[in-house]
C-alpha atoms as a PDB file:
ATOM      1  CA  MET A   1       2.452  26.365  42.110  1.00  0.00           C
ATOM      2  CA  THR A   2       5.941  24.795  40.476  1.00  0.00           C
ATOM      3  CA  ASP A   3       7.338  26.010  37.567  1.00  0.00           C
ATOM      4  CA  PHE A   4       9.423  22.678  37.105  1.00  0.00           C
ATOM      5  CA  GLU A   5       8.284  19.240  36.024  1.00  0.00           C
ATOM      6  CA  ILE A   6       9.466  15.684  36.915  1.00  0.00           C
ATOM      7  CA  SER A   7      11.245  13.672  34.007  1.00  0.00           C
ATOM      8  CA  LEU A   8      12.578  10.135  34.062  1.00  0.00           C
ATOM      9  CA  SER A   9      15.765  10.961  32.122  1.00  0.00           C
ATOM     10  CA  SER A  10      17.349   7.241  32.193  1.00  0.00           C
ATOM     11  CA  TYR A  11      16.338   3.627  33.062  1.00  0.00           C
ATOM     12  CA  ARG A  12      19.408   1.808  34.992  1.00  0.00           C
ATOM     13  CA  GLY A  13      17.138  -1.488  36.134  1.00  0.00           C
ATOM     14  CA  ASN A  14      17.863  -4.656  34.279  1.00  0.00           C
ATOM     15  CA  ASP A  15      13.829  -5.736  35.224  1.00  0.00           C
ATOM     16  CA  ARG A  16      12.016  -7.636  32.609  1.00  0.00           C
ATOM     17  CA  ASP A  17       8.833  -6.098  33.917  1.00  0.00           C
ATOM     18  CA  VAL A  18       8.842  -2.177  34.731  1.00  0.00           C
ATOM     19  CA  VAL A  19       5.868  -0.842  36.579  1.00  0.00           C
ATOM     20  CA  ILE A  20       6.526   3.126  36.947  1.00  0.00           C
ATOM     21  CA  PRO A  21       5.930   4.283  40.600  1.00  0.00           C
ATOM     22  CA  SER A  22       2.570   6.327  40.260  1.00  0.00           C
ATOM     23  CA  ASP A  23       3.931   8.525  43.551  1.00  0.00           C
ATOM     24  CA  ALA A  24       6.914   9.761  42.113  1.00  0.00           C
ATOM     25  CA  GLY A  25       5.195  12.353  40.031  1.00  0.00           C
ATOM     26  CA  ILE A  26       6.697  12.045  36.900  1.00  0.00           C
ATOM     27  CA  GLU A  27       5.569  14.046  33.850  1.00  0.00           C
ATOM     28  CA  THR A  28       8.031  12.961  31.387  1.00  0.00           C
ATOM     29  CA  ILE A  29       9.392   9.986  29.872  1.00  0.00           C
ATOM     30  CA  GLY A  30      12.749  11.398  28.731  1.00  0.00           C
ATOM     31  CA  MET A  31      14.748  10.743  25.535  1.00  0.00           C
ATOM     32  CA  HIS A  32      16.199   7.802  24.991  1.00  0.00           C
ATOM     33  CA  ALA A  33      15.294   6.685  28.740  1.00  0.00           C
ATOM     34  CA  PHE A  34      14.524   3.054  28.356  1.00  0.00           C
ATOM     35  CA  SER A  35      16.422   3.101  24.762  1.00  0.00           C
ATOM     36  CA  GLY A  36      18.171  -0.550  23.828  1.00  0.00           C
ATOM     37  CA  LYS A  37      17.194  -2.303  26.882  1.00  0.00           C
ATOM     38  CA  GLY A  38      16.833  -5.901  25.188  1.00  0.00           C
ATOM     39  CA  ASN A  39      15.384  -7.612  28.664  1.00  0.00           C
ATOM     40  CA  LEU A  40      12.397  -5.609  28.845  1.00  0.00           C
ATOM     41  CA  PHE A  41       9.080  -7.034  28.420  1.00  0.00           C
ATOM     42  CA  SER A  42       6.535  -5.163  29.425  1.00  0.00           C
ATOM     43  CA  VAL A  43       6.216  -0.862  30.539  1.00  0.00           C
ATOM     44  CA  VAL A  44       3.510   0.112  32.761  1.00  0.00           C
ATOM     45  CA  VAL A  45       2.921   4.241  32.244  1.00  0.00           C
ATOM     46  CA  PRO A  46       1.298   5.602  35.611  1.00  0.00           C
ATOM     47  CA  ASP A  47      -0.826   8.620  35.578  1.00  0.00           C
ATOM     48  CA  GLY A  48       0.544  11.841  35.366  1.00  0.00           C
ATOM     49  CA  VAL A  49       2.236  11.076  32.607  1.00  0.00           C
ATOM     50  CA  ARG A  50       1.961  13.949  30.042  1.00  0.00           C
ATOM     51  CA  THR A  51       5.291  13.386  27.651  1.00  0.00           C
ATOM     52  CA  ILE A  52       6.877  10.258  25.962  1.00  0.00           C
ATOM     53  CA  GLU A  53       9.776  11.654  24.241  1.00  0.00           C
ATOM     54  CA  ALA A  54      11.710  10.824  21.142  1.00  0.00           C
ATOM     55  CA  GLU A  55      13.211   7.543  20.802  1.00  0.00           C
ATOM     56  CA  ALA A  56      12.334   6.965  24.620  1.00  0.00           C
ATOM     57  CA  PHE A  57      11.914   3.154  24.380  1.00  0.00           C
ATOM     58  CA  ARG A  58      13.936   2.704  20.660  1.00  0.00           C
ATOM     59  CA  ASP A  59      15.201  -0.284  20.132  1.00  0.00           C
ATOM     60  CA  CYS A  60      14.210  -2.382  22.927  1.00  0.00           C
ATOM     61  CA  SER A  61      13.742  -5.748  20.941  1.00  0.00           C
ATOM     62  CA  ASN A  62      12.113  -7.925  23.255  1.00  0.00           C
ATOM     63  CA  LEU A  63       9.589  -5.129  24.154  1.00  0.00           C
ATOM     64  CA  ARG A  64       5.740  -6.926  23.927  1.00  0.00           C
ATOM     65  CA  ARG A  65       3.617  -4.710  25.872  1.00  0.00           C
ATOM     66  CA  VAL A  66       3.250  -1.313  26.951  1.00  0.00           C
ATOM     67  CA  VAL A  67       0.256   0.282  29.228  1.00  0.00           C
ATOM     68  CA  LEU A  68      -0.059   4.064  28.649  1.00  0.00           C
ATOM     69  CA  PRO A  69      -2.465   6.318  30.845  1.00  0.00           C
ATOM     70  CA  GLU A  70      -4.859   8.731  29.171  1.00  0.00           C
ATOM     71  CA  SER A  71      -2.769  11.613  30.810  1.00  0.00           C
ATOM     72  CA  VAL A  72      -0.097  11.346  27.942  1.00  0.00           C
ATOM     73  CA  VAL A  73      -0.560  13.674  25.116  1.00  0.00           C
ATOM     74  CA  SER A  74       2.193  13.629  23.210  1.00  0.00           C
ATOM     75  CA  ILE A  75       4.443  10.766  21.999  1.00  0.00           C
ATOM     76  CA  GLY A  76       7.947  11.641  20.589  1.00  0.00           C
ATOM     77  CA  PRO A  77       9.325  10.450  17.015  1.00  0.00           C
ATOM     78  CA  ALA A  78      10.460   6.906  16.838  1.00  0.00           C
ATOM     79  CA  ALA A  79       9.664   6.360  20.386  1.00  0.00           C
ATOM     80  CA  PHE A  80       8.630   2.898  20.271  1.00  0.00           C
ATOM     81  CA  LYS A  81      10.991   2.222  16.872  1.00  0.00           C
ATOM     82  CA  GLY A  82      12.432  -1.052  16.475  1.00  0.00           C
ATOM     83  CA  CYS A  83      10.789  -2.570  19.368  1.00  0.00           C
ATOM     84  CA  TRP A  84      10.521  -5.566  17.152  1.00  0.00           C
ATOM     85  CA  HIS A  85       8.217  -7.789  19.285  1.00  0.00           C
ATOM     86  CA  LEU A  86       5.725  -4.986  20.602  1.00  0.00           C
ATOM     87  CA  ASN A  87       2.229  -6.422  20.033  1.00  0.00           C
ATOM     88  CA  GLU A  88      -0.007  -4.681  22.318  1.00  0.00           C
ATOM     89  CA  ILE A  89       0.164  -0.678  23.095  1.00  0.00           C
ATOM     90  CA  ASN A  90      -2.749   1.929  23.255  1.00  0.00           C
ATOM     91  CA  ILE A  91      -2.486   4.920  22.084  1.00  0.00           C
ATOM     92  CA  PRO A  92      -4.407   7.692  24.604  1.00  0.00           C
ATOM     93  CA  SER A  93      -7.282   9.892  23.661  1.00  0.00           C
ATOM     94  CA  GLY A  94      -5.285  13.039  23.952  1.00  0.00           C
ATOM     95  CA  VAL A  95      -2.569  12.296  21.535  1.00  0.00           C
ATOM     96  CA  THR A  96      -2.994  14.468  18.549  1.00  0.00           C
ATOM     97  CA  LYS A  97      -0.440  13.500  16.243  1.00  0.00           C
ATOM     98  CA  LEU A  98       1.647  10.443  16.015  1.00  0.00           C
ATOM     99  CA  GLU A  99       5.186  11.919  15.116  1.00  0.00           C
ATOM    100  CA  PRO A 100       7.478  10.387  12.507  1.00  0.00           C
ATOM    101  CA  GLU A 101       8.655   6.750  12.971  1.00  0.00           C
ATOM    102  CA  THR A 102       6.569   5.981  16.203  1.00  0.00           C
ATOM    103  CA  PHE A 103       6.207   2.578  15.283  1.00  0.00           C
ATOM    104  CA  ARG A 104       8.859   1.835  12.790  1.00  0.00           C
ATOM    105  CA  ARG A 105       9.983  -1.782  12.625  1.00  0.00           C
ATOM    106  CA  CYS A 106       7.707  -3.232  15.018  1.00  0.00           C
ATOM    107  CA  MET A 107       7.288  -6.097  13.334  1.00  0.00           C
ATOM    108  CA  ASP A 108       5.016  -7.719  15.332  1.00  0.00           C
ATOM    109  CA  LEU A 109       2.262  -5.088  16.090  1.00  0.00           C
ATOM    110  CA  ILE A 110      -0.691  -7.026  14.294  1.00  0.00           C
ATOM    111  CA  THR A 111      -3.302  -4.430  15.217  1.00  0.00           C
ATOM    112  CA  ILE A 112      -3.653  -0.625  16.378  1.00  0.00           C
ATOM    113  CA  GLU A 113      -6.425   1.220  17.548  1.00  0.00           C
ATOM    114  CA  LEU A 114      -6.365   4.938  16.283  1.00  0.00           C
ATOM    115  CA  PRO A 115      -7.901   7.434  18.600  1.00  0.00           C
ATOM    116  CA  GLU A 116     -10.875   9.926  17.818  1.00  0.00           C
ATOM    117  CA  GLY A 117      -9.269  13.428  17.982  1.00  0.00           C
ATOM    118  CA  LEU A 118      -5.721  12.134  15.966  1.00  0.00           C
ATOM    119  CA  THR A 119      -5.179  14.390  12.812  1.00  0.00           C
ATOM    120  CA  GLU A 120      -2.211  13.490  11.470  1.00  0.00           C
ATOM    121  CA  ILE A 121      -0.020  10.280  11.159  1.00  0.00           C
ATOM    122  CA  GLY A 122       3.936  10.987  10.792  1.00  0.00           C
ATOM    123  CA  SER A 123       5.862   9.920   7.898  1.00  0.00           C
ATOM    124  CA  MET A 124       7.246   6.597   8.779  1.00  0.00           C
ATOM    125  CA  CYS A 125       5.055   5.996  11.350  1.00  0.00           C
ATOM    126  CA  PHE A 126       4.039   2.406  10.836  1.00  0.00           C
ATOM    127  CA  LYS A 127       6.899   1.502   7.870  1.00  0.00           C
ATOM    128  CA  HIS A 128       8.209  -2.201   8.079  1.00  0.00           C
ATOM    129  CA  CYS A 129       5.186  -2.901  10.640  1.00  0.00           C
ATOM    130  CA  LYS A 130       5.423  -6.469   8.869  1.00  0.00           C
ATOM    131  CA  ARG A 131       2.409  -8.096  10.639  1.00  0.00           C
ATOM    132  CA  LEU A 132      -0.057  -5.003  10.626  1.00  0.00           C
ATOM    133  CA  ALA A 133      -3.107  -6.779   9.468  1.00  0.00           C
ATOM    134  CA  ASN A 134      -5.884  -4.117   9.779  1.00  0.00           C
ATOM    135  CA  VAL A 135      -6.008  -0.530  10.480  1.00  0.00           C
ATOM    136  CA  ALA A 136      -9.185   1.679  10.729  1.00  0.00           C
ATOM    137  CA  ILE A 137      -8.237   5.961   9.898  1.00  0.00           C
ATOM    138  CA  PRO A 138     -11.153   7.620  12.152  1.00  0.00           C
ATOM    139  CA  ALA A 139     -12.671  11.102  10.659  1.00  0.00           C
ATOM    140  CA  SER A 140     -10.115  13.030  12.869  1.00  0.00           C
ATOM    141  CA  VAL A 141      -7.478  12.339  10.522  1.00  0.00           C
ATOM    142  CA  GLU A 142      -6.916  15.007   7.646  1.00  0.00           C
ATOM    143  CA  LYS A 143      -3.164  13.551   6.773  1.00  0.00           C
ATOM    144  CA  ILE A 144      -1.352  10.559   6.181  1.00  0.00           C
ATOM    145  CA  GLY A 145       2.616  11.002   5.968  1.00  0.00           C
ATOM    146  CA  ASP A 146       4.811  10.379   2.880  1.00  0.00           C
ATOM    147  CA  GLU A 147       6.002   6.074   4.007  1.00  0.00           C
ATOM    148  CA  ALA A 148       3.359   6.125   6.590  1.00  0.00           C
ATOM    149  CA  PHE A 149       2.247   2.053   6.391  1.00  0.00           C
ATOM    150  CA  ALA A 150       5.035   1.588   3.581  1.00  0.00           C
ATOM    151  CA  GLN A 151       6.389  -2.384   3.562  1.00  0.00           C
ATOM    152  CA  SER A 152       3.667  -2.934   5.980  1.00  0.00           C
ATOM    153  CA  ALA A 153       3.670  -6.103   3.312  1.00  0.00           C
ATOM    154  CA  ARG A 154       0.582  -7.918   5.607  1.00  0.00           C
ATOM    155  CA  LEU A 155      -1.942  -5.092   5.543  1.00  0.00           C
ATOM    156  CA  ALA A 156      -5.027  -6.435   3.919  1.00  0.00           C
ATOM    157  CA  ASP A 157      -7.834  -3.806   5.365  1.00  0.00           C
ATOM    158  CA  ILE A 158      -7.458  -0.482   5.659  1.00  0.00           C
ATOM    159  CA  THR A 159     -10.613   1.738   5.796  1.00  0.00           C
ATOM    160  CA  PHE A 160     -10.709   5.332   5.504  1.00  0.00           C
ATOM    161  CA  ALA A 161     -13.213   7.748   7.014  1.00  0.00           C
ATOM    162  CA  GLU A 162     -14.671  10.963   5.695  1.00  0.00           C
ATOM    163  CA  GLY A 163     -12.721  13.656   6.885  1.00  0.00           C
ATOM    164  CA  LEU A 164      -8.882  12.549   5.296  1.00  0.00           C
ATOM    165  CA  GLU A 165      -7.527  15.618   3.073  1.00  0.00           C
ATOM    166  CA  GLU A 166      -3.603  14.319   2.360  1.00  0.00           C
ATOM    167  CA  ILE A 167      -2.030  10.717   1.308  1.00  0.00           C
ATOM    168  CA  GLY A 168       1.424  11.269   1.495  1.00  0.00           C
ATOM    169  CA  ASP A 169       4.191  10.459  -1.239  1.00  0.00           C
ATOM    170  CA  GLY A 170       4.418   6.243  -0.957  1.00  0.00           C
ATOM    171  CA  ALA A 171       2.110   5.881   2.469  1.00  0.00           C
ATOM    172  CA  PHE A 172       1.299   2.431   1.701  1.00  0.00           C
ATOM    173  CA  GLU A 173       4.053   1.425  -1.045  1.00  0.00           C
ATOM    174  CA  GLY A 174       4.655  -2.215  -0.538  1.00  0.00           C
ATOM    175  CA  CYS A 175       1.239  -3.305   1.436  1.00  0.00           C
ATOM    176  CA  LYS A 176       0.828  -6.595  -1.388  1.00  0.00           C
ATOM    177  CA  ASN A 177      -2.063  -8.129   0.664  1.00  0.00           C
ATOM    178  CA  LEU A 178      -4.543  -4.836   0.270  1.00  0.00           C
ATOM    179  CA  THR A 179      -6.949  -6.302  -2.137  1.00  0.00           C
ATOM    180  CA  ALA A 180      -9.288  -2.931  -2.259  1.00  0.00           C
ATOM    181  CA  LEU A 181      -9.229   0.428  -1.619  1.00  0.00           C
ATOM    182  CA  GLU A 182     -12.412   3.032  -0.874  1.00  0.00           C
ATOM    183  CA  LEU A 183     -11.190   6.468  -0.876  1.00  0.00           C
ATOM    184  CA  PRO A 184     -13.017   9.303   0.937  1.00  0.00           C
ATOM    185  CA  SER A 185     -14.429  11.608  -0.985  1.00  0.00           C
ATOM    186  CA  THR A 186     -12.676  14.975   1.545  1.00  0.00           C
ATOM    187  CA  LEU A 187      -9.480  13.602  -0.484  1.00  0.00           C
ATOM    188  CA  GLY A 188      -8.096  16.195  -2.317  1.00  0.00           C
ATOM    189  CA  TRP A 189      -4.373  14.927  -2.697  1.00  0.00           C
ATOM    190  CA  VAL A 190      -2.492  11.678  -3.290  1.00  0.00           C
ATOM    191  CA  GLY A 191       1.071  11.794  -3.219  1.00  0.00           C
ATOM    192  CA  ARG A 192       3.948  10.181  -5.626  1.00  0.00           C
ATOM    193  CA  HIS A 193       4.159   6.083  -5.923  1.00  0.00           C
ATOM    194  CA  ALA A 194       1.304   6.043  -2.956  1.00  0.00           C
ATOM    195  CA  PHE A 195      -0.023   2.604  -3.573  1.00  0.00           C
ATOM    196  CA  LYS A 196       3.033   1.419  -5.821  1.00  0.00           C
ATOM    197  CA  SER A 197       3.712  -2.770  -5.161  1.00  0.00           C
ATOM    198  CA  CYS A 198       0.332  -3.106  -3.631  1.00  0.00           C
ATOM    199  CA  GLU A 199       0.190  -6.328  -5.793  1.00  0.00           C
ATOM    200  CA  LYS A 200      -2.782  -7.573  -4.886  1.00  0.00           C
ATOM    201  CA  LEU A 201      -4.851  -4.426  -5.146  1.00  0.00           C
ATOM    202  CA  GLU A 202      -7.789  -5.208  -7.698  1.00  0.00           C
ATOM    203  CA  SER A 203      -9.855  -2.260  -7.567  1.00  0.00           C
ATOM    204  CA  VAL A 204      -9.555   1.676  -6.854  1.00  0.00           C
ATOM    205  CA  SER A 205     -12.451   4.495  -6.888  1.00  0.00           C
ATOM    206  CA  ILE A 206     -10.259   7.809  -7.200  1.00  0.00           C
ATOM    207  CA  PRO A 207     -12.566  10.295  -5.565  1.00  0.00           C
ATOM    208  CA  LEU A 208     -13.852  13.710  -7.269  1.00  0.00           C
ATOM    209  CA  GLY A 209     -11.641  16.380  -6.420  1.00  0.00           C
ATOM    210  CA  ILE A 210      -8.467  14.670  -6.831  1.00  0.00           C
ATOM    211  CA  GLU A 211      -7.108  16.891  -9.740  1.00  0.00           C
ATOM    212  CA  SER A 212      -3.383  15.110 -10.660  1.00  0.00           C
ATOM    213  CA  LEU A 213      -2.361  11.360 -10.154  1.00  0.00           C
ATOM    214  CA  GLU A 214       1.547  11.692  -9.432  1.00  0.00           C
ATOM    215  CA  GLU A 215       4.654   9.542 -10.929  1.00  0.00           C
ATOM    216  CA  GLU A 216       4.141   5.875 -10.429  1.00  0.00           C
ATOM    217  CA  THR A 217       0.788   6.139  -7.766  1.00  0.00           C
ATOM    218  CA  PHE A 218      -0.387   2.615  -8.935  1.00  0.00           C
ATOM    219  CA  ARG A 219       2.859   1.362 -10.309  1.00  0.00           C
ATOM    220  CA  ASP A 220       3.644  -2.340 -10.111  1.00  0.00           C
ATOM    221  CA  CYS A 221      -0.086  -3.129  -9.268  1.00  0.00           C
ATOM    222  CA  THR A 222      -0.328  -6.385 -11.128  1.00  0.00           C
ATOM    223  CA  SER A 223      -3.602  -7.258  -9.957  1.00  0.00           C
ATOM    224  CA  LEU A 224      -5.431  -4.060 -10.676  1.00  0.00           C
ATOM    225  CA  GLU A 225      -8.125  -4.409 -13.183  1.00  0.00           C
ATOM    226  CA  GLU A 226     -10.746  -2.085 -12.695  1.00  0.00           C
ATOM    227  CA  ILE A 227      -9.962   2.149 -12.027  1.00  0.00           C
ATOM    228  CA  ASN A 228     -12.707   4.846 -11.698  1.00  0.00           C
ATOM    229  CA  LEU A 229     -11.289   8.358 -12.658  1.00  0.00           C
ATOM    230  CA  PRO A 230     -13.123  11.659 -11.412  1.00  0.00           C
ATOM    231  CA  GLU A 231     -14.405  14.364 -13.846  1.00  0.00           C
ATOM    232  CA  SER A 232     -12.067  16.718 -11.601  1.00  0.00           C
ATOM    233  CA  LEU A 233      -8.854  15.052 -13.029  1.00  0.00           C
ATOM    234  CA  LEU A 234      -6.292  17.047 -14.964  1.00  0.00           C
ATOM    235  CA  LEU A 235      -3.478  15.010 -15.138  1.00  0.00           C
ATOM    236  CA  VAL A 236      -2.401  11.841 -15.254  1.00  0.00           C
ATOM    237  CA  ASP A 237       1.650  12.184 -14.654  1.00  0.00           C
ATOM    238  CA  LYS A 238       4.326   9.535 -15.738  1.00  0.00           C
ATOM    239  CA  TRP A 239       4.026   5.781 -14.593  1.00  0.00           C
ATOM    240  CA  ALA A 240       1.398   6.305 -12.787  1.00  0.00           C
ATOM    241  CA  PHE A 241      -0.015   2.632 -13.943  1.00  0.00           C
ATOM    242  CA  ARG A 242       3.132   1.306 -15.301  1.00  0.00           C
ATOM    243  CA  ASN A 243       3.336  -2.467 -15.065  1.00  0.00           C
ATOM    244  CA  CYS A 244      -0.144  -2.982 -14.172  1.00  0.00           C
ATOM    245  CA  PRO A 245      -0.991  -5.529 -17.078  1.00  0.00           C
ATOM    246  CA  GLN A 246      -4.626  -6.602 -15.993  1.00  0.00           C
ATOM    247  CA  ILE A 247      -6.071  -3.099 -16.903  1.00  0.00           C
ATOM    248  CA  SER A 248      -7.380  -3.508 -20.513  1.00  0.00           C
ATOM    249  CA  GLU A 249      -9.119  -0.227 -20.895  1.00  0.00           C
ATOM    250  CA  ALA A 250      -9.420   2.961 -19.176  1.00  0.00           C
ATOM    251  CA  ASP A 251     -12.235   5.232 -19.438  1.00  0.00           C
ATOM    252  CA  LEU A 252     -10.237   8.750 -18.793  1.00  0.00           C
ATOM    253  CA  PRO A 253     -12.941  11.557 -18.028  1.00  0.00           C
ATOM    254  CA  ALA A 254     -13.122  14.797 -20.472  1.00  0.00           C
ATOM    255  CA  SER A 255     -11.785  16.698 -17.722  1.00  0.00           C
ATOM    256  CA  VAL A 256      -8.130  15.357 -18.045  1.00  0.00           C
ATOM    257  CA  ALA A 257      -6.052  17.721 -19.950  1.00  0.00           C
ATOM    258  CA  THR A 258      -2.660  16.248 -19.334  1.00  0.00           C
ATOM    259  CA  LEU A 259      -1.988  12.080 -20.061  1.00  0.00           C
ATOM    260  CA  HIS A 260       1.864  11.340 -20.245  1.00  0.00           C
ATOM    261  CA  PRO A 261       2.742   9.356 -22.963  1.00  0.00           C
ATOM    262  CA  GLU A 262       3.967   6.488 -20.454  1.00  0.00           C
ATOM    263  CA  ALA A 263       1.616   6.876 -18.197  1.00  0.00           C
ATOM    264  CA  PHE A 264       0.158   3.005 -18.661  1.00  0.00           C
ATOM    265  CA  ALA A 265       3.678   1.936 -19.868  1.00  0.00           C
ATOM    266  CA  GLN A 266       4.238  -1.631 -19.174  1.00  0.00           C
ATOM    267  CA  LYS A 267       7.609  -3.599 -18.855  1.00  0.00           C
END
């Protein structure tokens, strides 16, 4: 029994394709270990590695492919941030949280499979993933953080499972290709400007249990025509539906106690 672990703290090579040796006993890929390696194309991480620390592969602008073993249980903040061309990566089933900015600005990431067991998607995790087209949120996810998918302009298909409780501020702001939302009945909170500037969004049904629509929740959703509001709703705040010109009428439930005078304001 040893009380230490082996960490790869810095990679000094210039290989295009890296296979980390499986017999080295490495348990941790350290902070900034591969950061800024512009010529790196692919990395295979061996079984036994448990932790990918913060910014380990940050700004590896030509990195396309990463293979992670099932032994990985933790991926640190911004671990793959700025890997513009990353288009193939797996998230091991033991990872329970995606930290802030993990895949931010991974411009070529088209799809990502999120494992059952994941409970939280951190703030700005997939922000500016401009080619990300579809995501299925597993039932284990309880929270989607602030700006988690913001400005992922090609995101057209997002599937929410029952179990989700919170969508943070600006979580899907600027997702211009979303056309419809089916929010789960377990949802209890939707943050400010969560779906702002979802320009192709045509319909949304807010589940029973939501008590407030915060500022700018659906602002600039210029194609939004159909909104179904729940009997639990108490507050529709300022600019919640500002510049939504296709909404000709809204059936407000009797439960609404406060309707901000500018909730449905147009330009």
